């Protein structure tokens, strides 16, 4: 069973509906007992980085997830803000994140975007930069839905498994041990997004 973590932010019902379409057992929950019994976790997120961290801390989920992810090595997939929260720090509100991956979350550099606007919103091709089970059986340069003003900046490039170009190239998917993340939204990305969620369920 896959547990979709409810910490007050994210497209929870969209993610759950995708799993139902795939015939994958999934539940939306903030119950520690249910989360502990789950085989895998999904950390979704839409909104402000500080609000996300505040909610994780206030609910006790930060400490609980540190144990599940870092000690028990339970597979977890972060989506958009959920993935950004896994980084060490964010320029949005200038605060620390969970620190699970060797990256920071930075705002799009407008001087490199030309006439492109922030937020980056809409469909964008990804380039798979490393063979990875999360992205297997996808066509070359598949397209996914993005909506974000900030992106990952990795200090350890080997953790990056896909990039997207919006004015310049940025990391859009990563993996470090049992920790996976996507800047794009699989739950909004039709058949390619379904394949990513299916791949995660089979890890």
Protein backbone atom coordinates (compact mmCIF):
# COMPACT_ATOMS: atom_id res chain seq x y z
CA UNK A 1 0.00 0.00 0.00
CA UNK A 2 1.20 3.48 -0.91
CA UNK A 3 0.50 6.29 1.58
CA UNK A 4 0.01 9.81 0.21
CA UNK A 5 1.07 12.10 3.04
CA UNK A 6 -1.54 14.66 4.03
CA UNK A 7 0.24 17.62 5.61
CA UNK A 8 -2.19 20.25 4.34
CA UNK A 9 -0.66 20.98 0.92
CA UNK A 10 -0.84 19.22 -2.44
CA UNK A 11 -3.00 17.66 -5.12
CA UNK A 12 -3.95 14.77 -2.90
CA UNK A 13 -7.13 13.65 -4.66
CA UNK A 14 -5.50 13.87 -8.11
CA UNK A 15 -2.67 11.60 -6.99
CA UNK A 16 -5.10 9.17 -5.37
CA UNK A 17 -7.27 9.07 -8.50
CA UNK A 18 -4.24 8.26 -10.67
CA UNK A 19 -3.46 5.29 -8.43
CA UNK A 20 -7.08 4.11 -8.61
CA UNK A 21 -6.90 4.21 -12.42
CA UNK A 22 -3.75 2.10 -12.24
CA UNK A 23 -5.32 -0.36 -9.80
CA UNK A 24 -2.71 0.47 -7.14
CA UNK A 25 -3.72 0.38 -3.48
CA UNK A 26 -3.20 3.89 -2.09
CA UNK A 27 -4.57 6.05 0.72
CA UNK A 28 -4.39 9.71 1.77
CA UNK A 29 -3.37 9.91 5.43
CA UNK A 30 -1.52 11.74 8.18
CA UNK A 31 -1.91 8.80 10.58
CA UNK A 32 1.52 7.67 11.77
CA UNK A 33 0.42 4.03 12.13
CA UNK A 34 -0.85 3.90 8.55
CA UNK A 35 2.26 5.65 7.26
CA UNK A 36 4.48 3.20 9.13
CA UNK A 37 2.65 0.19 7.66
CA UNK A 38 2.77 1.54 4.09
CA UNK A 39 5.31 0.01 1.73
CA UNK A 40 6.01 3.38 0.09
CA UNK A 41 5.28 7.07 0.70
CA UNK A 42 4.45 10.02 -1.53
CA UNK A 43 5.11 13.58 -0.33
CA UNK A 44 3.06 15.91 -2.56
CA UNK A 45 2.98 19.67 -2.40
CA UNK A 46 1.73 22.88 -3.95
CA UNK A 47 2.38 26.23 -2.32
CA UNK A 48 4.98 28.02 -0.23
CA UNK A 49 8.13 26.28 1.06
CA UNK A 50 7.86 27.81 4.55
CA UNK A 51 4.24 26.73 4.92
CA UNK A 52 5.22 23.22 3.93
CA UNK A 53 8.03 23.02 6.49
CA UNK A 54 5.88 24.63 9.18
CA UNK A 55 3.14 22.05 8.60
CA UNK A 56 5.59 19.13 8.71
CA UNK A 57 7.11 20.39 11.95
CA UNK A 58 3.82 21.25 13.67
CA UNK A 59 2.31 17.85 12.88
CA UNK A 60 5.36 15.90 14.05
CA UNK A 61 5.76 14.52 10.53
CA UNK A 62 9.27 15.88 10.04
CA UNK A 63 10.76 13.79 12.84
CA UNK A 64 8.62 10.79 11.93
CA UNK A 65 9.60 10.93 8.25
CA UNK A 66 13.28 11.36 9.09
CA UNK A 67 13.12 7.99 10.83
CA UNK A 68 11.06 6.27 8.12
CA UNK A 69 13.17 7.59 5.23
CA UNK A 70 16.70 7.91 6.63
CA UNK A 71 16.76 5.05 9.15
CA UNK A 72 14.18 2.57 7.84
CA UNK A 73 15.01 3.38 4.20
CA UNK A 74 11.36 3.40 3.12
CA UNK A 75 10.97 4.50 -0.53
CA UNK A 76 9.48 7.97 -0.87
CA UNK A 77 8.54 10.10 -3.88
CA UNK A 78 8.39 13.88 -3.57
CA UNK A 79 6.30 15.80 -6.09
CA UNK A 80 6.89 19.51 -6.86
CA UNK A 81 6.96 21.32 -3.48
CA UNK A 82 7.18 17.93 -1.78
CA UNK A 83 10.42 17.27 -3.67
CA UNK A 84 11.74 20.77 -2.97
CA UNK A 85 11.19 20.20 0.75
CA UNK A 86 13.67 17.33 0.52
CA UNK A 87 16.51 19.77 -0.29
CA UNK A 88 18.78 21.44 2.24
CA UNK A 89 17.56 25.02 1.86
CA UNK A 90 15.19 27.22 -0.15
CA UNK A 91 15.54 30.79 -1.34
CA UNK A 92 11.79 31.02 -0.85
CA UNK A 93 11.66 32.49 2.70
CA UNK A 94 15.36 31.61 3.14
CA UNK A 95 14.80 28.58 5.38
CA UNK A 96 16.18 25.06 5.75
CA UNK A 97 14.45 22.03 4.29
CA UNK A 98 14.52 18.37 5.26
CA UNK A 99 18.08 18.06 3.95
CA UNK A 100 17.66 14.58 2.51
CA UNK A 101 19.35 15.30 -0.84
CA UNK A 102 22.44 17.30 -1.80
CA UNK A 103 20.62 20.25 -3.32
CA UNK A 104 19.16 23.68 -2.67
CA UNK A 105 15.93 25.13 -4.01
CA UNK A 106 16.50 28.36 -5.93
CA UNK A 107 14.32 30.82 -7.81
CA UNK A 108 14.45 30.87 -11.60
CA UNK A 109 17.21 33.23 -12.72
CA UNK A 110 15.26 35.82 -14.71
CA UNK A 111 18.36 37.14 -16.48
CA UNK A 112 18.75 33.73 -18.12
CA UNK A 113 15.10 33.42 -19.12
CA UNK A 114 14.85 36.28 -21.61
CA UNK A 115 11.17 36.92 -22.29
CA UNK A 116 10.03 33.76 -20.54
CA UNK A 117 7.83 34.31 -17.53
CA UNK A 118 7.94 32.98 -13.99
CA UNK A 119 6.27 30.79 -12.88
CA UNK A 120 7.16 28.13 -15.41
CA UNK A 121 3.73 26.75 -16.19
CA UNK A 122 2.68 24.15 -18.74
CA UNK A 123 4.04 21.15 -20.59
CA UNK A 124 7.78 20.61 -20.93
CA UNK A 125 9.92 17.78 -22.25
CA UNK A 126 12.31 16.12 -19.86
CA UNK A 127 15.68 14.68 -20.81
CA UNK A 128 16.52 11.50 -18.96
CA UNK A 129 20.16 11.84 -17.93
CA UNK A 130 20.62 8.55 -16.07
CA UNK A 131 18.96 5.17 -16.38
CA UNK A 132 16.61 4.85 -13.44
CA UNK A 133 13.68 2.55 -12.55
CA UNK A 134 11.44 5.57 -11.83
CA UNK A 135 11.67 6.66 -15.48
CA UNK A 136 11.88 3.32 -17.27
CA UNK A 137 9.73 2.47 -20.30
CA UNK A 138 9.22 6.13 -21.21
CA UNK A 139 9.78 7.41 -24.76
CA UNK A 140 12.67 9.69 -25.60
CA UNK A 141 12.11 13.21 -24.24
CA UNK A 142 8.64 12.61 -22.73
CA UNK A 143 6.54 15.65 -21.81
CA UNK A 144 5.28 16.42 -18.30
CA UNK A 145 3.23 19.20 -16.70
CA UNK A 146 5.19 21.78 -14.68
CA UNK A 147 4.08 24.70 -12.51
CA UNK A 148 6.78 26.30 -10.34
CA UNK A 149 8.82 29.44 -9.68
CA UNK A 150 11.71 27.62 -7.96
CA UNK A 151 13.78 24.61 -8.98
CA UNK A 152 16.45 22.26 -7.63
CA UNK A 153 20.13 23.19 -7.75
CA UNK A 154 22.18 20.04 -7.05
CA UNK A 155 25.68 20.08 -5.60
CA UNK A 156 25.89 16.35 -6.31
CA UNK A 157 25.06 15.90 -10.04
CA UNK A 158 24.98 12.10 -9.81
CA UNK A 159 21.67 12.40 -7.95
CA UNK A 160 20.01 14.06 -10.98
CA UNK A 161 18.15 11.62 -13.26
CA UNK A 162 16.33 14.08 -15.57
CA UNK A 163 16.46 17.71 -16.64
CA UNK A 164 14.05 20.17 -18.24
CA UNK A 165 14.86 23.24 -20.31
CA UNK A 166 13.07 26.52 -19.61
CA UNK A 167 15.42 29.26 -20.72
CA UNK A 168 18.18 27.07 -19.29
CA UNK A 169 18.49 23.49 -18.10
CA UNK A 170 17.50 22.61 -14.56
CA UNK A 171 17.18 19.34 -12.67
CA UNK A 172 13.61 18.06 -12.82
CA UNK A 173 13.94 14.57 -11.29
CA UNK A 174 16.34 13.01 -8.82
CA UNK A 175 17.15 9.90 -6.83
CA UNK A 176 19.33 9.38 -3.77
CA UNK A 177 19.11 5.86 -2.38
CA UNK A 178 15.42 5.35 -1.44
CA UNK A 179 14.54 9.03 -2.02
CA UNK A 180 12.97 10.09 -5.33
CA UNK A 181 11.66 13.46 -6.47
CA UNK A 182 10.11 15.15 -9.49
CA UNK A 183 9.69 18.86 -10.12
CA UNK A 184 6.93 18.06 -12.60
CA UNK A 185 3.49 16.73 -11.66
CA UNK A 186 2.99 13.07 -12.63
CA UNK A 187 -0.64 13.28 -11.47
CA UNK A 188 -1.29 15.96 -14.14
CA UNK A 189 0.77 14.39 -16.91
CA UNK A 190 -1.57 11.78 -18.39
CA UNK A 191 -0.03 8.53 -19.64
CA UNK A 192 3.59 9.49 -18.92
CA UNK A 193 2.74 10.54 -15.40
CA UNK A 194 0.84 7.32 -14.88
CA UNK A 195 3.91 5.39 -15.97
CA UNK A 196 6.09 7.23 -13.42
CA UNK A 197 3.65 6.46 -10.60
CA UNK A 198 3.38 2.85 -11.76
CA UNK A 199 7.17 2.57 -11.85
CA UNK A 200 7.40 3.94 -8.32
CA UNK A 201 4.83 1.44 -7.07
CA UNK A 202 6.96 -1.42 -8.45
CA UNK A 203 10.29 -0.34 -6.92
